[in-house]
Amino acid sequence: MKTTLLSREVGYGKKDVAELETASVKVQLIYDKTLFMLHSHIPASLWNAMIGVPYSVISSLYKGNGEDGTVFQKWIQGPAGWKCIGCERHCLEQGDSEAEAGTSSDQRRTYTFHNGRRQSLILQAVIWSLYEKTLLLHPFLGTEAFLDGEDLETISAYFVPTYVNDVRFRELNKPCKAYTDTNIRVFQEWIAAPDLVLQWDGGMTEGRWMTGVFTNQAKFAGLGPYLKDSAGKRTYMEAYVQ
């Protein structure tokens, strides 16, 4: 069933907003915790091959850093509830002073999109692997497990199965999507997002209804819904609580 909007505004129920506020912070803390663990234990050569970005940079990417940037988590409200499929970073950068001469410093700051999909998906795969291994070995790990009980509940509820091969999906006969970046390939379970048709002054756009959740310094910072068409182009919309 498709939802049709006649303006670039998307309504969210109070319960959904409350859940996303809490869940996004829990997800962010697991991102930060896992990233720090990886940086602390894997050799620099493997870090560079997997992540390709210095820890000082990517740590800021996942945490957000005040006025200069926020983490943008990507959520889908699918058949099994809200699921987080990864995150990106959105940041404010100074515009070209000559091209924008005569404008104030605030006006010269432009909203810039940074993807970081490769790092996000690798991190998702690591977290899911840790989750499965912890469940399997939990009786033997006791209090030594990296993921505690709340972490496991959060991952089970909100993360999407993500692997570096598609063997598990073929075994379970589940649909998945492959993401390839240079020599790294990641497979993630396909979550059906609601179909959306947006009719507005610029015409009609059809695609999947995605929900962006902004976090900054492990705090909820707002919703950023968008429509993603078949070519991957995004149309951002306004969110309101109904």
C-alpha atoms as a PDB file:
ATOM      1  CA  MET A   1       0.000   0.000   0.000  1.00  0.00           C
ATOM      2  CA  LYS A   2       1.337   3.400  -1.005  1.00  0.00           C
ATOM      3  CA  THR A   3       1.082   6.573   1.047  1.00  0.00           C
ATOM      4  CA  THR A   4       0.508   9.773  -0.907  1.00  0.00           C
ATOM      5  CA  LEU A   5       1.636  13.149   0.446  1.00  0.00           C
ATOM      6  CA  LEU A   6       0.527  16.455  -1.013  1.00  0.00           C
ATOM      7  CA  SER A   7       3.259  18.431   0.755  1.00  0.00           C
ATOM      8  CA  ARG A   8       6.797  17.805   1.952  1.00  0.00           C
ATOM      9  CA  GLU A   9       5.660  17.076   5.503  1.00  0.00           C
ATOM     10  CA  VAL A  10       5.583  13.661   7.166  1.00  0.00           C
ATOM     11  CA  GLY A  11       3.647  12.912  10.325  1.00  0.00           C
ATOM     12  CA  TYR A  12       4.955  10.648  13.098  1.00  0.00           C
ATOM     13  CA  GLY A  13       2.991   9.333  16.053  1.00  0.00           C
ATOM     14  CA  LYS A  14       4.111  10.310  19.541  1.00  0.00           C
ATOM     15  CA  LYS A  15       4.957   6.694  20.402  1.00  0.00           C
ATOM     16  CA  ASP A  16       7.160   6.333  17.304  1.00  0.00           C
ATOM     17  CA  VAL A  17       9.035   9.544  18.082  1.00  0.00           C
ATOM     18  CA  ALA A  18       9.550   8.513  21.701  1.00  0.00           C
ATOM     19  CA  GLU A  19      10.873   5.116  20.595  1.00  0.00           C
ATOM     20  CA  LEU A  20      13.261   6.640  18.064  1.00  0.00           C
ATOM     21  CA  GLU A  21      14.548   9.150  20.613  1.00  0.00           C
ATOM     22  CA  THR A  22      15.516   6.347  22.979  1.00  0.00           C
ATOM     23  CA  ALA A  23      16.597   3.755  20.412  1.00  0.00           C
ATOM     24  CA  SER A  24      18.841   6.118  18.424  1.00  0.00           C
ATOM     25  CA  VAL A  25      20.888   6.957  21.512  1.00  0.00           C
ATOM     26  CA  LYS A  26      21.281   3.273  22.429  1.00  0.00           C
ATOM     27  CA  VAL A  27      22.355   2.475  18.862  1.00  0.00           C
ATOM     28  CA  GLN A  28      24.837   5.357  18.892  1.00  0.00           C
ATOM     29  CA  LEU A  29      26.456   4.155  22.105  1.00  0.00           C
ATOM     30  CA  ILE A  30      26.945   0.686  20.590  1.00  0.00           C
ATOM     31  CA  TYR A  31      28.529   2.253  17.480  1.00  0.00           C
ATOM     32  CA  ASP A  32      30.945   4.251  19.649  1.00  0.00           C
ATOM     33  CA  LYS A  33      31.746   1.329  21.928  1.00  0.00           C
ATOM     34  CA  THR A  34      32.491  -1.066  19.057  1.00  0.00           C
ATOM     35  CA  LEU A  35      34.535   1.458  17.123  1.00  0.00           C
ATOM     36  CA  PHE A  36      36.727   2.151  20.154  1.00  0.00           C
ATOM     37  CA  MET A  37      37.219  -1.581  20.731  1.00  0.00           C
ATOM     38  CA  LEU A  38      38.282  -2.130  17.135  1.00  0.00           C
ATOM     39  CA  HIS A  39      40.753   0.736  17.239  1.00  0.00           C
ATOM     40  CA  SER A  40      42.207  -0.561  20.507  1.00  0.00           C
ATOM     41  CA  HIS A  41      42.769  -4.141  19.364  1.00  0.00           C
ATOM     42  CA  ILE A  42      43.300  -4.523  15.622  1.00  0.00           C
ATOM     43  CA  PRO A  43      46.653  -3.746  13.913  1.00  0.00           C
ATOM     44  CA  ALA A  44      46.993  -0.416  12.127  1.00  0.00           C
ATOM     45  CA  SER A  45      47.403  -2.179   8.758  1.00  0.00           C
ATOM     46  CA  LEU A  46      44.078  -4.007   9.161  1.00  0.00           C
ATOM     47  CA  TRP A  47      42.368  -0.832  10.379  1.00  0.00           C
ATOM     48  CA  ASN A  48      43.539   1.007   7.266  1.00  0.00           C
ATOM     49  CA  ALA A  49      42.356  -1.825   5.004  1.00  0.00           C
ATOM     50  CA  MET A  50      38.928  -2.099   6.649  1.00  0.00           C
ATOM     51  CA  ILE A  51      38.133   1.460   7.646  1.00  0.00           C
ATOM     52  CA  GLY A  52      40.576   3.617   5.706  1.00  0.00           C
ATOM     53  CA  VAL A  53      39.987   6.639   7.943  1.00  0.00           C
ATOM     54  CA  PRO A  54      42.029   7.680  11.027  1.00  0.00           C
ATOM     55  CA  TYR A  55      40.309   6.964  14.328  1.00  0.00           C
ATOM     56  CA  SER A  56      40.440  10.630  15.340  1.00  0.00           C
ATOM     57  CA  VAL A  57      38.366  11.458  12.269  1.00  0.00           C
ATOM     58  CA  ILE A  58      35.917   8.567  12.237  1.00  0.00           C
ATOM     59  CA  SER A  59      35.361   8.781  16.007  1.00  0.00           C
ATOM     60  CA  SER A  60      34.159  12.339  15.493  1.00  0.00           C
ATOM     61  CA  LEU A  61      32.081  11.135  12.545  1.00  0.00           C
ATOM     62  CA  TYR A  62      30.139   8.697  14.694  1.00  0.00           C
ATOM     63  CA  LYS A  63      29.828  10.875  17.773  1.00  0.00           C
ATOM     64  CA  GLY A  64      28.909  14.212  16.243  1.00  0.00           C
ATOM     65  CA  ASN A  65      30.745  17.268  17.473  1.00  0.00           C
ATOM     66  CA  GLY A  66      28.506  20.079  18.562  1.00  0.00           C
ATOM     67  CA  GLU A  67      27.673  22.783  16.072  1.00  0.00           C
ATOM     68  CA  ASP A  68      29.896  21.441  13.289  1.00  0.00           C
ATOM     69  CA  GLY A  69      28.190  18.142  12.608  1.00  0.00           C
ATOM     70  CA  THR A  70      25.693  15.480  13.528  1.00  0.00           C
ATOM     71  CA  VAL A  71      25.367  11.746  12.996  1.00  0.00           C
ATOM     72  CA  PHE A  72      22.559  10.801  10.621  1.00  0.00           C
ATOM     73  CA  GLN A  73      21.194   7.327  11.357  1.00  0.00           C
ATOM     74  CA  LYS A  74      19.074   5.682   8.647  1.00  0.00           C
ATOM     75  CA  TRP A  75      15.910   3.967   9.903  1.00  0.00           C
ATOM     76  CA  ILE A  76      13.119   2.003   8.254  1.00  0.00           C
ATOM     77  CA  GLN A  77       9.751   1.272   9.798  1.00  0.00           C
ATOM     78  CA  GLY A  78       9.330  -2.226   8.394  1.00  0.00           C
ATOM     79  CA  PRO A  79       7.083  -5.196   9.156  1.00  0.00           C
ATOM     80  CA  ALA A  80       9.072  -5.993  12.323  1.00  0.00           C
ATOM     81  CA  GLY A  81       9.133  -2.423  13.601  1.00  0.00           C
ATOM     82  CA  TRP A  82      11.881   0.190  13.490  1.00  0.00           C
ATOM     83  CA  LYS A  83      15.255  -0.968  12.137  1.00  0.00           C
ATOM     84  CA  CYS A  84      18.525   0.944  11.768  1.00  0.00           C
ATOM     85  CA  ILE A  85      20.434   0.061   8.593  1.00  0.00           C
ATOM     86  CA  GLY A  86      23.478   2.289   9.110  1.00  0.00           C
ATOM     87  CA  CYS A  87      24.585   5.854   9.621  1.00  0.00           C
ATOM     88  CA  GLU A  88      26.271   8.771   7.902  1.00  0.00           C
ATOM     89  CA  ARG A  89      27.525  12.169   8.896  1.00  0.00           C
ATOM     90  CA  HIS A  90      26.046  15.519   8.058  1.00  0.00           C
ATOM     91  CA  CYS A  91      28.113  18.587   8.776  1.00  0.00           C
ATOM     92  CA  LEU A  92      28.237  22.316   8.336  1.00  0.00           C
ATOM     93  CA  GLU A  93      31.158  23.667   6.332  1.00  0.00           C
ATOM     94  CA  GLN A  94      32.291  27.175   5.502  1.00  0.00           C
ATOM     95  CA  GLY A  95      31.230  28.321   2.027  1.00  0.00           C
ATOM     96  CA  ASP A  96      33.433  30.072  -0.562  1.00  0.00           C
ATOM     97  CA  SER A  97      34.076  33.577   0.800  1.00  0.00           C
ATOM     98  CA  GLU A  98      34.587  35.181  -2.616  1.00  0.00           C
ATOM     99  CA  ALA A  99      31.559  33.578  -4.228  1.00  0.00           C
ATOM    100  CA  GLU A 100      29.399  34.518  -1.284  1.00  0.00           C
ATOM    101  CA  ALA A 101      30.850  37.906  -0.437  1.00  0.00           C
ATOM    102  CA  GLY A 102      28.427  40.236   1.259  1.00  0.00           C
ATOM    103  CA  THR A 103      26.655  37.499   3.246  1.00  0.00           C
ATOM    104  CA  SER A 104      27.009  36.942   6.977  1.00  0.00           C
ATOM    105  CA  SER A 105      29.185  34.142   8.363  1.00  0.00           C
ATOM    106  CA  ASP A 106      26.070  32.150   9.322  1.00  0.00           C
ATOM    107  CA  GLN A 107      24.691  32.430   5.777  1.00  0.00           C
ATOM    108  CA  ARG A 108      27.989  31.259   4.286  1.00  0.00           C
ATOM    109  CA  ARG A 109      27.833  27.957   6.182  1.00  0.00           C
ATOM    110  CA  THR A 110      26.381  25.278   3.950  1.00  0.00           C
ATOM    111  CA  TYR A 111      24.829  21.924   4.797  1.00  0.00           C
ATOM    112  CA  THR A 112      27.116  19.277   3.348  1.00  0.00           C
ATOM    113  CA  PHE A 113      26.426  15.545   3.024  1.00  0.00           C
ATOM    114  CA  HIS A 114      29.143  13.004   3.847  1.00  0.00           C
ATOM    115  CA  ASN A 115      28.275   9.385   3.193  1.00  0.00           C
ATOM    116  CA  GLY A 116      30.808   7.114   4.885  1.00  0.00           C
ATOM    117  CA  ARG A 117      28.733   4.105   3.792  1.00  0.00           C
ATOM    118  CA  ARG A 118      31.723   1.776   3.680  1.00  0.00           C
ATOM    119  CA  GLN A 119      32.713   2.388   7.299  1.00  0.00           C
ATOM    120  CA  SER A 120      29.106   2.260   8.472  1.00  0.00           C
ATOM    121  CA  LEU A 121      28.376  -1.094   6.848  1.00  0.00           C
ATOM    122  CA  ILE A 122      31.604  -2.669   8.089  1.00  0.00           C
ATOM    123  CA  LEU A 123      30.739  -1.507  11.578  1.00  0.00           C
ATOM    124  CA  GLN A 124      27.225  -2.956  11.221  1.00  0.00           C
ATOM    125  CA  ALA A 125      28.741  -6.305  10.157  1.00  0.00           C
ATOM    126  CA  VAL A 126      31.142  -6.330  13.107  1.00  0.00           C
ATOM    127  CA  ILE A 127      28.370  -5.522  15.572  1.00  0.00           C
ATOM    128  CA  TRP A 128      26.105  -8.238  14.192  1.00  0.00           C
ATOM    129  CA  SER A 129      28.919 -10.793  14.315  1.00  0.00           C
ATOM    130  CA  LEU A 130      29.662  -9.872  17.935  1.00  0.00           C
ATOM    131  CA  TYR A 131      25.971 -10.177  18.714  1.00  0.00           C
ATOM    132  CA  GLU A 132      25.682 -13.697  17.257  1.00  0.00           C
ATOM    133  CA  LYS A 133      28.923 -14.880  18.875  1.00  0.00           C
ATOM    134  CA  THR A 134      27.879 -13.493  22.252  1.00  0.00           C
ATOM    135  CA  LEU A 135      24.529 -15.270  22.109  1.00  0.00           C
ATOM    136  CA  LEU A 136      26.297 -18.512  21.205  1.00  0.00           C
ATOM    137  CA  LEU A 137      28.995 -18.287  23.871  1.00  0.00           C
ATOM    138  CA  HIS A 138      27.106 -16.396  26.560  1.00  0.00           C
ATOM    139  CA  PRO A 139      27.050 -19.318  29.064  1.00  0.00           C
ATOM    140  CA  PHE A 140      30.871 -19.417  28.943  1.00  0.00           C
ATOM    141  CA  LEU A 141      31.554 -15.673  28.897  1.00  0.00           C
ATOM    142  CA  GLY A 142      29.695 -14.690  32.041  1.00  0.00           C
ATOM    143  CA  THR A 143      30.479 -11.087  32.970  1.00  0.00           C
ATOM    144  CA  GLU A 144      33.371 -10.961  30.490  1.00  0.00           C
ATOM    145  CA  ALA A 145      31.160 -10.471  27.426  1.00  0.00           C
ATOM    146  CA  PHE A 146      31.862  -7.325  25.420  1.00  0.00           C
ATOM    147  CA  LEU A 147      28.139  -6.795  24.841  1.00  0.00           C
ATOM    148  CA  ASP A 148      26.001  -6.667  27.955  1.00  0.00           C
ATOM    149  CA  GLY A 149      22.353  -7.658  28.260  1.00  0.00           C
ATOM    150  CA  GLU A 150      21.022  -4.217  27.271  1.00  0.00           C
ATOM    151  CA  ASP A 151      23.325  -4.138  24.233  1.00  0.00           C
ATOM    152  CA  LEU A 152      22.028  -7.513  23.090  1.00  0.00           C
ATOM    153  CA  GLU A 153      18.422  -6.369  23.470  1.00  0.00           C
ATOM    154  CA  THR A 154      19.129  -3.199  21.467  1.00  0.00           C
ATOM    155  CA  ILE A 155      20.859  -5.072  18.655  1.00  0.00           C
ATOM    156  CA  SER A 156      18.125  -7.706  18.510  1.00  0.00           C
ATOM    157  CA  ALA A 157      15.409  -5.058  18.355  1.00  0.00           C
ATOM    158  CA  TYR A 158      16.931  -2.444  16.059  1.00  0.00           C
ATOM    159  CA  PHE A 159      19.918  -3.719  14.069  1.00  0.00           C
ATOM    160  CA  VAL A 160      19.687  -5.507  10.724  1.00  0.00           C
ATOM    161  CA  PRO A 161      21.642  -8.745  10.015  1.00  0.00           C
ATOM    162  CA  THR A 162      24.777  -7.723   8.118  1.00  0.00           C
ATOM    163  CA  TYR A 163      27.619  -9.991   6.901  1.00  0.00           C
ATOM    164  CA  VAL A 164      30.669  -9.960   4.656  1.00  0.00           C
ATOM    165  CA  ASN A 165      29.167 -12.793   2.551  1.00  0.00           C
ATOM    166  CA  ASP A 166      25.673 -13.939   1.638  1.00  0.00           C
ATOM    167  CA  VAL A 167      25.919 -17.537   2.922  1.00  0.00           C
ATOM    168  CA  ARG A 168      23.594 -17.001   5.881  1.00  0.00           C
ATOM    169  CA  PHE A 169      20.948 -15.317   3.745  1.00  0.00           C
ATOM    170  CA  ARG A 170      21.016 -18.173   1.224  1.00  0.00           C
ATOM    171  CA  GLU A 171      20.673 -20.695   4.042  1.00  0.00           C
ATOM    172  CA  LEU A 172      17.627 -18.886   5.407  1.00  0.00           C
ATOM    173  CA  ASN A 173      16.287 -17.986   1.953  1.00  0.00           C
ATOM    174  CA  LYS A 174      16.112 -14.327   2.964  1.00  0.00           C
ATOM    175  CA  PRO A 175      16.511 -11.359   0.588  1.00  0.00           C
ATOM    176  CA  CYS A 176      19.622  -9.241   0.980  1.00  0.00           C
ATOM    177  CA  LYS A 177      21.351  -6.336  -0.688  1.00  0.00           C
ATOM    178  CA  ALA A 178      25.040  -6.318  -1.607  1.00  0.00           C
ATOM    179  CA  TYR A 179      27.154  -3.200  -1.131  1.00  0.00           C
ATOM    180  CA  THR A 180      30.558  -3.077  -2.806  1.00  0.00           C
ATOM    181  CA  ASP A 181      33.261  -0.531  -2.047  1.00  0.00           C
ATOM    182  CA  THR A 182      36.670  -1.218  -3.630  1.00  0.00           C
ATOM    183  CA  ASN A 183      37.623  -4.752  -2.483  1.00  0.00           C
ATOM    184  CA  ILE A 184      35.138  -4.955   0.389  1.00  0.00           C
ATOM    185  CA  ARG A 185      31.664  -6.380  -0.071  1.00  0.00           C
ATOM    186  CA  VAL A 186      28.981  -6.315   2.608  1.00  0.00           C
ATOM    187  CA  PHE A 187      25.577  -8.003   2.526  1.00  0.00           C
ATOM    188  CA  GLN A 188      22.656  -6.694   4.530  1.00  0.00           C
ATOM    189  CA  GLU A 189      19.188  -8.133   4.967  1.00  0.00           C
ATOM    190  CA  TRP A 190      16.686  -6.334   2.778  1.00  0.00           C
ATOM    191  CA  ILE A 191      14.076  -4.504   4.845  1.00  0.00           C
ATOM    192  CA  ALA A 192      10.979  -3.374   2.979  1.00  0.00           C
ATOM    193  CA  ALA A 193      10.350   0.336   3.518  1.00  0.00           C
ATOM    194  CA  PRO A 194       6.884   1.871   3.052  1.00  0.00           C
ATOM    195  CA  ASP A 195       6.123   3.044  -0.497  1.00  0.00           C
ATOM    196  CA  LEU A 196       5.599   6.781  -0.768  1.00  0.00           C
ATOM    197  CA  VAL A 197       4.334   9.137  -3.476  1.00  0.00           C
ATOM    198  CA  LEU A 198       5.082  12.823  -3.032  1.00  0.00           C
ATOM    199  CA  GLN A 199       3.031  15.292  -5.046  1.00  0.00           C
ATOM    200  CA  TRP A 200       4.254  18.856  -4.709  1.00  0.00           C
ATOM    201  CA  ASP A 201       5.001  22.020  -6.710  1.00  0.00           C
ATOM    202  CA  GLY A 202       7.969  20.415  -8.427  1.00  0.00           C
ATOM    203  CA  GLY A 203       5.897  17.499  -9.722  1.00  0.00           C
ATOM    204  CA  MET A 204       5.580  13.922  -8.480  1.00  0.00           C
ATOM    205  CA  THR A 205       8.265  11.754  -6.874  1.00  0.00           C
ATOM    206  CA  GLU A 206       7.841   8.094  -5.984  1.00  0.00           C
ATOM    207  CA  GLY A 207      10.073   5.933  -3.823  1.00  0.00           C
ATOM    208  CA  ARG A 208      10.705   4.464  -0.364  1.00  0.00           C
ATOM    209  CA  TRP A 209       9.924   6.285   2.858  1.00  0.00           C
ATOM    210  CA  MET A 210      13.082   6.457   4.972  1.00  0.00           C
ATOM    211  CA  THR A 211      13.548   8.116   8.335  1.00  0.00           C
ATOM    212  CA  GLY A 212      16.760   9.851   9.239  1.00  0.00           C
ATOM    213  CA  VAL A 213      17.472  10.333  12.936  1.00  0.00           C
ATOM    214  CA  PHE A 214      20.018  12.954  13.960  1.00  0.00           C
ATOM    215  CA  THR A 215      22.156  12.374  17.042  1.00  0.00           C
ATOM    216  CA  ASN A 216      24.861  14.599  18.479  1.00  0.00           C
ATOM    217  CA  GLN A 217      27.202  13.658  21.328  1.00  0.00           C
ATOM    218  CA  ALA A 218      24.998  10.623  22.070  1.00  0.00           C
ATOM    219  CA  LYS A 219      21.867  12.752  22.322  1.00  0.00           C
ATOM    220  CA  PHE A 220      18.776  12.741  20.098  1.00  0.00           C
ATOM    221  CA  ALA A 221      18.836  15.784  17.801  1.00  0.00           C
ATOM    222  CA  GLY A 222      15.739  15.444  15.617  1.00  0.00           C
ATOM    223  CA  LEU A 223      14.154  13.606  12.689  1.00  0.00           C
ATOM    224  CA  GLY A 224      15.012  13.986   9.003  1.00  0.00           C
ATOM    225  CA  PRO A 225      12.576  11.954   6.878  1.00  0.00           C
ATOM    226  CA  TYR A 226      13.287  11.544   3.181  1.00  0.00           C
ATOM    227  CA  LEU A 227      11.958   9.823   0.092  1.00  0.00           C
ATOM    228  CA  LYS A 228      14.522   7.676  -1.734  1.00  0.00           C
ATOM    229  CA  ASP A 229      13.706   7.002  -5.399  1.00  0.00           C
ATOM    230  CA  SER A 230      14.812   4.039  -7.537  1.00  0.00           C
ATOM    231  CA  ALA A 231      17.982   5.874  -8.591  1.00  0.00           C
ATOM    232  CA  GLY A 232      18.987   6.514  -4.985  1.00  0.00           C
ATOM    233  CA  LYS A 233      18.187  10.227  -5.089  1.00  0.00           C
ATOM    234  CA  ARG A 234      16.808  11.678  -1.883  1.00  0.00           C
ATOM    235  CA  THR A 235      14.041  14.205  -1.368  1.00  0.00           C
ATOM    236  CA  TYR A 236      14.182  15.498   2.185  1.00  0.00           C
ATOM    237  CA  MET A 237      10.990  16.396   4.030  1.00  0.00           C
ATOM    238  CA  GLU A 238       9.839  17.994   7.253  1.00  0.00           C
ATOM    239  CA  ALA A 239       8.725  15.888  10.224  1.00  0.00           C
ATOM    240  CA  TYR A 240       5.920  16.758  12.601  1.00  0.00           C
ATOM    241  CA  VAL A 241       4.391  14.918  15.527  1.00  0.00           C
ATOM    242  CA  GLN A 242       0.707  14.079  15.140  1.00  0.00           C
END
